[in-house]
Amino acid sequence: MIKRKIIVGNWKMNPRTVKEAGKLFGEVAKGVSRVKKTDIVICAPFIFLEELAEIRTSKVKLGAQDAFPGDTGAFTGEVSADMLYELGVRYVILGHSERRAFGESNNDVNKKIKSALAYGLWPILCVGESDRDHNHGYFSLVKMQLEKCLAGISKNSVGKIIIAYEPVWAISTTPDRRDATADDSREMTIFIRKILSDKFGKNAGSMRILYGGSVNEKDASEFLENGGVDGLLAGKSSLNAKKFLEIINTAEHIF
């Protein structure tokens, strides 16, 4: 089964103003008018989602960076999956390493995934290790993340879940970071697919896996061609329309 490539931009806590956000989103939307084979998602801060929902197009879907695992109620500061869906959001990043650094557990992520699915969102589940030890303990860590975050998820729902492999040691904000290679990505992607297959059987074949970790327009082709992935989760490079469009066009022309 041939899966559509998917490129996701994670703006994190950027840009500063709604005007800047609208301009960036509009530039990307304008630049992908001829894209046919690649799904494109921009995950923006909550504060910009309503404005971007007004200018989104069929080519560029809107995503959020987190969602509360519950219905409306006395949860100060939170935003539910139901609210996001009603706003026009269709994807949501869950379990990002920066959220986990705030204390978010695999159990928390599991609840958020179930809630997102219940309200019609496509969860983008982030997994990945902080370091690559010589004893290969990072495999056990990623396996635990997958098993706990996907506990209780039905086989019929997994086709809407996207896995983003995000080695924390390769992220630009990590002290003493180092570059990941397509070989690193392929090794982990093969492992992730095995875990998913063991858990969900043939249904796992419909799940897409992304590579994240400071991917940019210069190495996008290498990861897409040799990293064993179905797409990319771009951070900093998604804040530059020209660079993000280069990544999208690269994906569009890779079979």
C-alpha atoms as a PDB file:
ATOM      1  CA  MET A   1       0.000   0.000   0.000  1.00  0.00           C
ATOM      2  CA  ILE A   2       1.369   3.375  -1.086  1.00  0.00           C
ATOM      3  CA  LYS A   3       0.925   6.034   1.567  1.00  0.00           C
ATOM      4  CA  ARG A   4       0.723   9.736   0.898  1.00  0.00           C
ATOM      5  CA  LYS A   5       3.693  11.676   2.163  1.00  0.00           C
ATOM      6  CA  ILE A   6       2.931  14.165   4.932  1.00  0.00           C
ATOM      7  CA  ILE A   7       4.880  17.246   5.961  1.00  0.00           C
ATOM      8  CA  VAL A   8       4.014  18.803   9.321  1.00  0.00           C
ATOM      9  CA  GLY A   9       5.212  22.187  10.493  1.00  0.00           C
ATOM     10  CA  ASN A  10       5.437  22.756  14.249  1.00  0.00           C
ATOM     11  CA  TRP A  11       5.634  26.487  14.876  1.00  0.00           C
ATOM     12  CA  LYS A  12       6.051  25.954  18.633  1.00  0.00           C
ATOM     13  CA  MET A  13       5.630  29.340  20.419  1.00  0.00           C
ATOM     14  CA  ASN A  14       6.077  31.382  17.245  1.00  0.00           C
ATOM     15  CA  PRO A  15       5.601  33.883  15.652  1.00  0.00           C
ATOM     16  CA  ARG A  16       4.952  36.915  17.888  1.00  0.00           C
ATOM     17  CA  THR A  17       1.775  38.304  16.344  1.00  0.00           C
ATOM     18  CA  VAL A  18      -1.361  37.111  14.590  1.00  0.00           C
ATOM     19  CA  LYS A  19      -0.422  39.285  11.612  1.00  0.00           C
ATOM     20  CA  GLU A  20       2.897  37.463  11.233  1.00  0.00           C
ATOM     21  CA  ALA A  21       1.152  34.100  11.627  1.00  0.00           C
ATOM     22  CA  GLY A  22      -1.382  34.919   8.929  1.00  0.00           C
ATOM     23  CA  LYS A  23       1.326  36.131   6.551  1.00  0.00           C
ATOM     24  CA  LEU A  24       3.423  32.973   7.015  1.00  0.00           C
ATOM     25  CA  PHE A  25       0.441  30.655   6.653  1.00  0.00           C
ATOM     26  CA  GLY A  26      -0.723  32.524   3.564  1.00  0.00           C
ATOM     27  CA  GLU A  27       2.705  32.303   1.909  1.00  0.00           C
ATOM     28  CA  VAL A  28       2.774  28.550   2.420  1.00  0.00           C
ATOM     29  CA  ALA A  29      -0.798  28.124   1.180  1.00  0.00           C
ATOM     30  CA  LYS A  30      -0.027  30.133  -1.945  1.00  0.00           C
ATOM     31  CA  GLY A  31       3.139  28.145  -2.642  1.00  0.00           C
ATOM     32  CA  VAL A  32       1.510  24.696  -2.583  1.00  0.00           C
ATOM     33  CA  SER A  33      -1.206  25.272  -5.187  1.00  0.00           C
ATOM     34  CA  ARG A  34       0.270  22.560  -7.427  1.00  0.00           C
ATOM     35  CA  VAL A  35       1.011  20.025  -4.702  1.00  0.00           C
ATOM     36  CA  LYS A  36      -1.100  16.899  -5.243  1.00  0.00           C
ATOM     37  CA  LYS A  37       0.600  13.927  -3.584  1.00  0.00           C
ATOM     38  CA  THR A  38       1.660  15.369  -0.223  1.00  0.00           C
ATOM     39  CA  ASP A  39      -0.442  16.176   2.842  1.00  0.00           C
ATOM     40  CA  ILE A  40       0.551  19.433   4.524  1.00  0.00           C
ATOM     41  CA  VAL A  41      -0.208  20.385   8.119  1.00  0.00           C
ATOM     42  CA  ILE A  42       0.738  23.493  10.083  1.00  0.00           C
ATOM     43  CA  CYS A  43       0.506  23.200  13.877  1.00  0.00           C
ATOM     44  CA  ALA A  44       0.250  26.691  15.317  1.00  0.00           C
ATOM     45  CA  PRO A  45      -0.124  28.096  18.847  1.00  0.00           C
ATOM     46  CA  PHE A  46      -3.697  28.135  20.200  1.00  0.00           C
ATOM     47  CA  ILE A  47      -3.870  31.929  20.027  1.00  0.00           C
ATOM     48  CA  PHE A  48      -3.558  31.911  16.216  1.00  0.00           C
ATOM     49  CA  LEU A  49      -5.833  28.990  15.345  1.00  0.00           C
ATOM     50  CA  GLU A  50      -9.061  30.967  14.940  1.00  0.00           C
ATOM     51  CA  GLU A  51      -7.436  33.430  12.556  1.00  0.00           C
ATOM     52  CA  LEU A  52      -5.731  30.694  10.549  1.00  0.00           C
ATOM     53  CA  ALA A  53      -8.960  28.710  10.353  1.00  0.00           C
ATOM     54  CA  GLU A  54     -10.371  31.592   8.314  1.00  0.00           C
ATOM     55  CA  ILE A  55      -7.598  31.388   5.695  1.00  0.00           C
ATOM     56  CA  ARG A  56      -6.826  27.669   5.624  1.00  0.00           C
ATOM     57  CA  THR A  57      -7.162  25.885   2.304  1.00  0.00           C
ATOM     58  CA  SER A  58      -7.823  22.334   1.168  1.00  0.00           C
ATOM     59  CA  LYS A  59      -4.081  21.963   0.569  1.00  0.00           C
ATOM     60  CA  VAL A  60      -2.912  23.102   4.019  1.00  0.00           C
ATOM     61  CA  LYS A  61      -4.597  21.550   7.043  1.00  0.00           C
ATOM     62  CA  LEU A  62      -4.569  23.118  10.476  1.00  0.00           C
ATOM     63  CA  GLY A  63      -3.091  21.417  13.517  1.00  0.00           C
ATOM     64  CA  ALA A  64      -2.682  22.173  17.223  1.00  0.00           C
ATOM     65  CA  GLN A  65       0.310  21.509  19.464  1.00  0.00           C
ATOM     66  CA  ASP A  66      -1.575  19.949  22.365  1.00  0.00           C
ATOM     67  CA  ALA A  67      -5.104  19.143  23.559  1.00  0.00           C
ATOM     68  CA  PHE A  68      -6.707  18.522  26.919  1.00  0.00           C
ATOM     69  CA  PRO A  69      -8.016  14.956  27.433  1.00  0.00           C
ATOM     70  CA  GLY A  70     -11.573  15.763  28.409  1.00  0.00           C
ATOM     71  CA  ASP A  71     -14.769  17.665  27.775  1.00  0.00           C
ATOM     72  CA  THR A  72     -15.573  21.254  28.638  1.00  0.00           C
ATOM     73  CA  GLY A  73     -15.478  22.014  32.353  1.00  0.00           C
ATOM     74  CA  ALA A  74     -13.522  23.541  35.194  1.00  0.00           C
ATOM     75  CA  PHE A  75     -10.080  23.176  33.625  1.00  0.00           C
ATOM     76  CA  THR A  76      -8.527  26.631  33.667  1.00  0.00           C
ATOM     77  CA  GLY A  77      -6.151  27.305  30.793  1.00  0.00           C
ATOM     78  CA  GLU A  78      -6.910  24.110  28.885  1.00  0.00           C
ATOM     79  CA  VAL A  79      -8.294  23.573  25.364  1.00  0.00           C
ATOM     80  CA  SER A  80     -10.175  20.396  24.509  1.00  0.00           C
ATOM     81  CA  ALA A  81     -10.057  18.274  21.366  1.00  0.00           C
ATOM     82  CA  ASP A  82     -13.744  19.020  20.868  1.00  0.00           C
ATOM     83  CA  MET A  83     -13.065  22.773  20.850  1.00  0.00           C
ATOM     84  CA  LEU A  84     -10.227  22.321  18.378  1.00  0.00           C
ATOM     85  CA  TYR A  85     -12.320  20.263  15.985  1.00  0.00           C
ATOM     86  CA  GLU A  86     -15.150  22.799  16.047  1.00  0.00           C
ATOM     87  CA  LEU A  87     -12.597  25.484  15.177  1.00  0.00           C
ATOM     88  CA  GLY A  88     -11.490  23.612  12.064  1.00  0.00           C
ATOM     89  CA  VAL A  89      -8.381  21.914  13.449  1.00  0.00           C
ATOM     90  CA  ARG A  90      -7.881  18.365  12.181  1.00  0.00           C
ATOM     91  CA  TYR A  91      -4.463  17.313  13.539  1.00  0.00           C
ATOM     92  CA  VAL A  92      -2.819  17.616  16.937  1.00  0.00           C
ATOM     93  CA  ILE A  93       0.742  16.978  18.136  1.00  0.00           C
ATOM     94  CA  LEU A  94       0.758  14.936  21.351  1.00  0.00           C
ATOM     95  CA  GLY A  95       3.627  13.793  23.558  1.00  0.00           C
ATOM     96  CA  HIS A  96       6.182  16.226  22.153  1.00  0.00           C
ATOM     97  CA  SER A  97       9.482  16.060  24.035  1.00  0.00           C
ATOM     98  CA  GLU A  98       9.065  19.651  25.178  1.00  0.00           C
ATOM     99  CA  ARG A  99       5.698  18.756  26.747  1.00  0.00           C
ATOM    100  CA  ARG A 100       7.213  15.652  28.330  1.00  0.00           C
ATOM    101  CA  ALA A 101       9.947  17.861  29.802  1.00  0.00           C
ATOM    102  CA  PHE A 102       7.183  19.717  31.669  1.00  0.00           C
ATOM    103  CA  GLY A 103       6.199  16.453  33.347  1.00  0.00           C
ATOM    104  CA  GLU A 104       3.710  14.987  30.883  1.00  0.00           C
ATOM    105  CA  SER A 105       3.637  11.189  31.259  1.00  0.00           C
ATOM    106  CA  ASN A 106       2.905   8.415  28.792  1.00  0.00           C
ATOM    107  CA  ASN A 107      -0.389   7.905  30.615  1.00  0.00           C
ATOM    108  CA  ASP A 108      -1.278  11.564  30.064  1.00  0.00           C
ATOM    109  CA  VAL A 109      -0.488  11.212  26.368  1.00  0.00           C
ATOM    110  CA  ASN A 110      -2.585   8.049  26.151  1.00  0.00           C
ATOM    111  CA  LYS A 111      -5.620   9.895  27.511  1.00  0.00           C
ATOM    112  CA  LYS A 112      -5.060  12.741  25.064  1.00  0.00           C
ATOM    113  CA  ILE A 113      -4.826  10.366  22.098  1.00  0.00           C
ATOM    114  CA  LYS A 114      -8.101   8.685  23.029  1.00  0.00           C
ATOM    115  CA  SER A 115      -9.817  12.042  23.418  1.00  0.00           C
ATOM    116  CA  ALA A 116      -8.422  13.339  20.121  1.00  0.00           C
ATOM    117  CA  LEU A 117      -9.655  10.263  18.264  1.00  0.00           C
ATOM    118  CA  ALA A 118     -13.073  10.487  19.904  1.00  0.00           C
ATOM    119  CA  TYR A 119     -13.524  14.016  18.582  1.00  0.00           C
ATOM    120  CA  GLY A 120     -12.245  13.370  15.068  1.00  0.00           C
ATOM    121  CA  LEU A 121      -8.660  14.634  15.280  1.00  0.00           C
ATOM    122  CA  TRP A 122      -5.613  12.903  13.827  1.00  0.00           C
ATOM    123  CA  PRO A 123      -3.063  12.522  16.658  1.00  0.00           C
ATOM    124  CA  ILE A 124       0.624  12.961  15.832  1.00  0.00           C
ATOM    125  CA  LEU A 125       2.326  10.971  18.593  1.00  0.00           C
ATOM    126  CA  CYS A 126       5.926  11.978  19.295  1.00  0.00           C
ATOM    127  CA  VAL A 127       8.358   9.391  20.624  1.00  0.00           C
ATOM    128  CA  GLY A 128      12.117   9.416  20.960  1.00  0.00           C
ATOM    129  CA  GLU A 129      15.098   9.040  23.229  1.00  0.00           C
ATOM    130  CA  SER A 130      17.172  11.706  24.971  1.00  0.00           C
ATOM    131  CA  ASP A 131      20.430   9.922  24.173  1.00  0.00           C
ATOM    132  CA  ARG A 132      21.756   6.890  22.344  1.00  0.00           C
ATOM    133  CA  ASP A 133      23.540   4.720  24.893  1.00  0.00           C
ATOM    134  CA  HIS A 134      26.022   2.053  23.839  1.00  0.00           C
ATOM    135  CA  ASN A 135      23.806  -0.684  25.289  1.00  0.00           C
ATOM    136  CA  HIS A 136      20.946   0.289  22.953  1.00  0.00           C
ATOM    137  CA  GLY A 137      18.618   1.011  25.849  1.00  0.00           C
ATOM    138  CA  TYR A 138      16.907   3.630  23.688  1.00  0.00           C
ATOM    139  CA  PHE A 139      15.000   0.840  21.942  1.00  0.00           C
ATOM    140  CA  SER A 140      13.389  -0.140  25.236  1.00  0.00           C
ATOM    141  CA  LEU A 141      12.490   3.477  25.935  1.00  0.00           C
ATOM    142  CA  VAL A 142      10.766   3.983  22.588  1.00  0.00           C
ATOM    143  CA  LYS A 143       8.992   0.628  22.917  1.00  0.00           C
ATOM    144  CA  MET A 144       7.670   1.660  26.328  1.00  0.00           C
ATOM    145  CA  GLN A 145       6.499   5.018  24.980  1.00  0.00           C
ATOM    146  CA  LEU A 146       4.619   3.345  22.130  1.00  0.00           C
ATOM    147  CA  GLU A 147       3.041   0.633  24.242  1.00  0.00           C
ATOM    148  CA  LYS A 148       1.902   2.970  27.034  1.00  0.00           C
ATOM    149  CA  CYS A 149       0.779   5.826  24.808  1.00  0.00           C
ATOM    150  CA  LEU A 150      -1.181   3.466  22.554  1.00  0.00           C
ATOM    151  CA  ALA A 151      -2.617   1.260  25.311  1.00  0.00           C
ATOM    152  CA  GLY A 152      -6.301   0.538  24.782  1.00  0.00           C
ATOM    153  CA  ILE A 153      -6.402   1.976  21.261  1.00  0.00           C
ATOM    154  CA  SER A 154      -8.537  -0.154  18.950  1.00  0.00           C
ATOM    155  CA  LYS A 155      -7.104  -1.639  15.774  1.00  0.00           C
ATOM    156  CA  ASN A 156      -9.775   0.183  13.786  1.00  0.00           C
ATOM    157  CA  SER A 157      -8.502   3.572  14.987  1.00  0.00           C
ATOM    158  CA  VAL A 158      -4.780   3.233  14.391  1.00  0.00           C
ATOM    159  CA  GLY A 159      -4.962   4.351  10.765  1.00  0.00           C
ATOM    160  CA  LYS A 160      -5.588   7.902  12.025  1.00  0.00           C
ATOM    161  CA  ILE A 161      -2.561   7.915  14.315  1.00  0.00           C
ATOM    162  CA  ILE A 162       0.733   9.270  12.983  1.00  0.00           C
ATOM    163  CA  ILE A 163       3.994   8.462  14.756  1.00  0.00           C
ATOM    164  CA  ALA A 164       6.749  11.074  14.793  1.00  0.00           C
ATOM    165  CA  TYR A 165      10.192   9.789  15.729  1.00  0.00           C
ATOM    166  CA  GLU A 166      11.946  12.699  17.381  1.00  0.00           C
ATOM    167  CA  PRO A 167      15.421  11.984  18.817  1.00  0.00           C
ATOM    168  CA  VAL A 168      15.768  14.632  21.507  1.00  0.00           C
ATOM    169  CA  TRP A 169      19.550  14.648  21.168  1.00  0.00           C
ATOM    170  CA  ALA A 170      19.191  15.988  17.605  1.00  0.00           C
ATOM    171  CA  ILE A 171      16.814  18.869  18.385  1.00  0.00           C
ATOM    172  CA  SER A 172      18.336  22.312  17.886  1.00  0.00           C
ATOM    173  CA  THR A 173      17.523  23.469  21.437  1.00  0.00           C
ATOM    174  CA  THR A 174      19.240  20.472  23.083  1.00  0.00           C
ATOM    175  CA  PRO A 175      22.628  21.338  24.664  1.00  0.00           C
ATOM    176  CA  ASP A 176      25.537  19.652  22.844  1.00  0.00           C
ATOM    177  CA  ARG A 177      23.132  18.427  20.171  1.00  0.00           C
ATOM    178  CA  ARG A 178      24.438  16.408  17.247  1.00  0.00           C
ATOM    179  CA  ASP A 179      23.035  15.658  13.836  1.00  0.00           C
ATOM    180  CA  ALA A 180      20.982  12.539  13.281  1.00  0.00           C
ATOM    181  CA  THR A 181      21.431  10.619  10.046  1.00  0.00           C
ATOM    182  CA  ALA A 182      19.052   8.822   7.730  1.00  0.00           C
ATOM    183  CA  ASP A 183      20.562   5.589   9.057  1.00  0.00           C
ATOM    184  CA  ASP A 184      19.527   6.566  12.597  1.00  0.00           C
ATOM    185  CA  SER A 185      16.025   7.246  11.347  1.00  0.00           C
ATOM    186  CA  ARG A 186      15.772   4.030   9.326  1.00  0.00           C
ATOM    187  CA  GLU A 187      17.001   1.905  12.222  1.00  0.00           C
ATOM    188  CA  MET A 188      14.369   3.307  14.567  1.00  0.00           C
ATOM    189  CA  THR A 189      11.618   3.325  11.965  1.00  0.00           C
ATOM    190  CA  ILE A 190      12.098  -0.388  11.308  1.00  0.00           C
ATOM    191  CA  PHE A 191      11.928  -0.997  15.050  1.00  0.00           C
ATOM    192  CA  ILE A 192       8.800   1.139  15.446  1.00  0.00           C
ATOM    193  CA  ARG A 193       7.038  -0.649  12.594  1.00  0.00           C
ATOM    194  CA  LYS A 194       7.803  -3.992  14.257  1.00  0.00           C
ATOM    195  CA  ILE A 195       6.318  -2.811  17.574  1.00  0.00           C
ATOM    196  CA  LEU A 196       3.227  -1.473  15.822  1.00  0.00           C
ATOM    197  CA  SER A 197       2.809  -4.656  13.794  1.00  0.00           C
ATOM    198  CA  ASP A 198       3.068  -6.827  16.904  1.00  0.00           C
ATOM    199  CA  LYS A 199       0.433  -4.680  18.610  1.00  0.00           C
ATOM    200  CA  PHE A 200      -2.035  -3.971  15.821  1.00  0.00           C
ATOM    201  CA  GLY A 201      -1.359  -6.630  13.185  1.00  0.00           C
ATOM    202  CA  LYS A 202      -2.060  -5.741   9.554  1.00  0.00           C
ATOM    203  CA  ASN A 203      -3.834  -2.545  10.626  1.00  0.00           C
ATOM    204  CA  ALA A 204      -0.441  -1.103  11.537  1.00  0.00           C
ATOM    205  CA  GLY A 205       0.399  -0.973   7.837  1.00  0.00           C
ATOM    206  CA  SER A 206      -1.786   2.109   7.428  1.00  0.00           C
ATOM    207  CA  MET A 207       0.098   4.108  10.068  1.00  0.00           C
ATOM    208  CA  ARG A 208       2.504   6.755   8.829  1.00  0.00           C
ATOM    209  CA  ILE A 209       5.830   7.464  10.531  1.00  0.00           C
ATOM    210  CA  LEU A 210       7.584  10.830  10.406  1.00  0.00           C
ATOM    211  CA  TYR A 211      11.089  11.925  11.244  1.00  0.00           C
ATOM    212  CA  GLY A 212      11.537  15.029  13.391  1.00  0.00           C
ATOM    213  CA  GLY A 213      14.632  16.448  15.016  1.00  0.00           C
ATOM    214  CA  SER A 214      15.782  19.691  13.372  1.00  0.00           C
ATOM    215  CA  VAL A 215      15.039  18.453   9.879  1.00  0.00           C
ATOM    216  CA  ASN A 216      15.537  21.150   7.263  1.00  0.00           C
ATOM    217  CA  GLU A 217      15.389  21.833   3.537  1.00  0.00           C
ATOM    218  CA  LYS A 218      18.964  20.587   3.095  1.00  0.00           C
ATOM    219  CA  ASP A 219      18.556  17.095   4.582  1.00  0.00           C
ATOM    220  CA  ALA A 220      14.850  16.518   3.850  1.00  0.00           C
ATOM    221  CA  SER A 221      15.591  14.503   0.712  1.00  0.00           C
ATOM    222  CA  GLU A 222      18.025  12.216   2.522  1.00  0.00           C
ATOM    223  CA  PHE A 223      15.569  11.419   5.310  1.00  0.00           C
ATOM    224  CA  LEU A 224      12.649  10.925   2.934  1.00  0.00           C
ATOM    225  CA  GLU A 225      14.597   8.709   0.538  1.00  0.00           C
ATOM    226  CA  ASN A 226      16.734   6.726   2.985  1.00  0.00           C
ATOM    227  CA  GLY A 227      15.254   7.256   6.448  1.00  0.00           C
ATOM    228  CA  GLY A 228      12.369   4.809   6.074  1.00  0.00           C
ATOM    229  CA  VAL A 229       9.737   7.458   6.833  1.00  0.00           C
ATOM    230  CA  ASP A 230       6.503   8.662   5.256  1.00  0.00           C
ATOM    231  CA  GLY A 231       7.084  12.310   6.008  1.00  0.00           C
ATOM    232  CA  LEU A 232       8.718  14.899   8.225  1.00  0.00           C
ATOM    233  CA  LEU A 233       7.930  16.979  11.314  1.00  0.00           C
ATOM    234  CA  ALA A 234       9.729  20.291  10.840  1.00  0.00           C
ATOM    235  CA  GLY A 235      10.264  22.822  13.610  1.00  0.00           C
ATOM    236  CA  LYS A 236      12.442  25.863  13.010  1.00  0.00           C
ATOM    237  CA  SER A 237      12.452  25.422   9.239  1.00  0.00           C
ATOM    238  CA  SER A 238       8.645  25.652   9.159  1.00  0.00           C
ATOM    239  CA  LEU A 239       8.882  29.285  10.313  1.00  0.00           C
ATOM    240  CA  ASN A 240      10.464  30.250   6.999  1.00  0.00           C
ATOM    241  CA  ALA A 241       7.995  29.896   4.128  1.00  0.00           C
ATOM    242  CA  LYS A 242      10.697  29.452   1.501  1.00  0.00           C
ATOM    243  CA  LYS A 243      12.475  26.697   3.438  1.00  0.00           C
ATOM    244  CA  PHE A 244       9.238  24.940   4.364  1.00  0.00           C
ATOM    245  CA  LEU A 245       8.078  25.002   0.751  1.00  0.00           C
ATOM    246  CA  GLU A 246      11.392  23.466  -0.311  1.00  0.00           C
ATOM    247  CA  ILE A 247      10.759  20.587   2.098  1.00  0.00           C
ATOM    248  CA  ILE A 248       7.219  20.145   0.766  1.00  0.00           C
ATOM    249  CA  ASN A 249       8.380  20.170  -2.860  1.00  0.00           C
ATOM    250  CA  THR A 250      11.069  17.639  -2.032  1.00  0.00           C
ATOM    251  CA  ALA A 251       8.425  15.291  -0.605  1.00  0.00           C
ATOM    252  CA  GLU A 252       6.151  15.883  -3.586  1.00  0.00           C
ATOM    253  CA  HIS A 253       8.770  14.607  -6.013  1.00  0.00           C
ATOM    254  CA  ILE A 254       9.892  11.527  -4.067  1.00  0.00           C
ATOM    255  CA  PHE A 255       8.099   8.278  -4.829  1.00  0.00           C
END
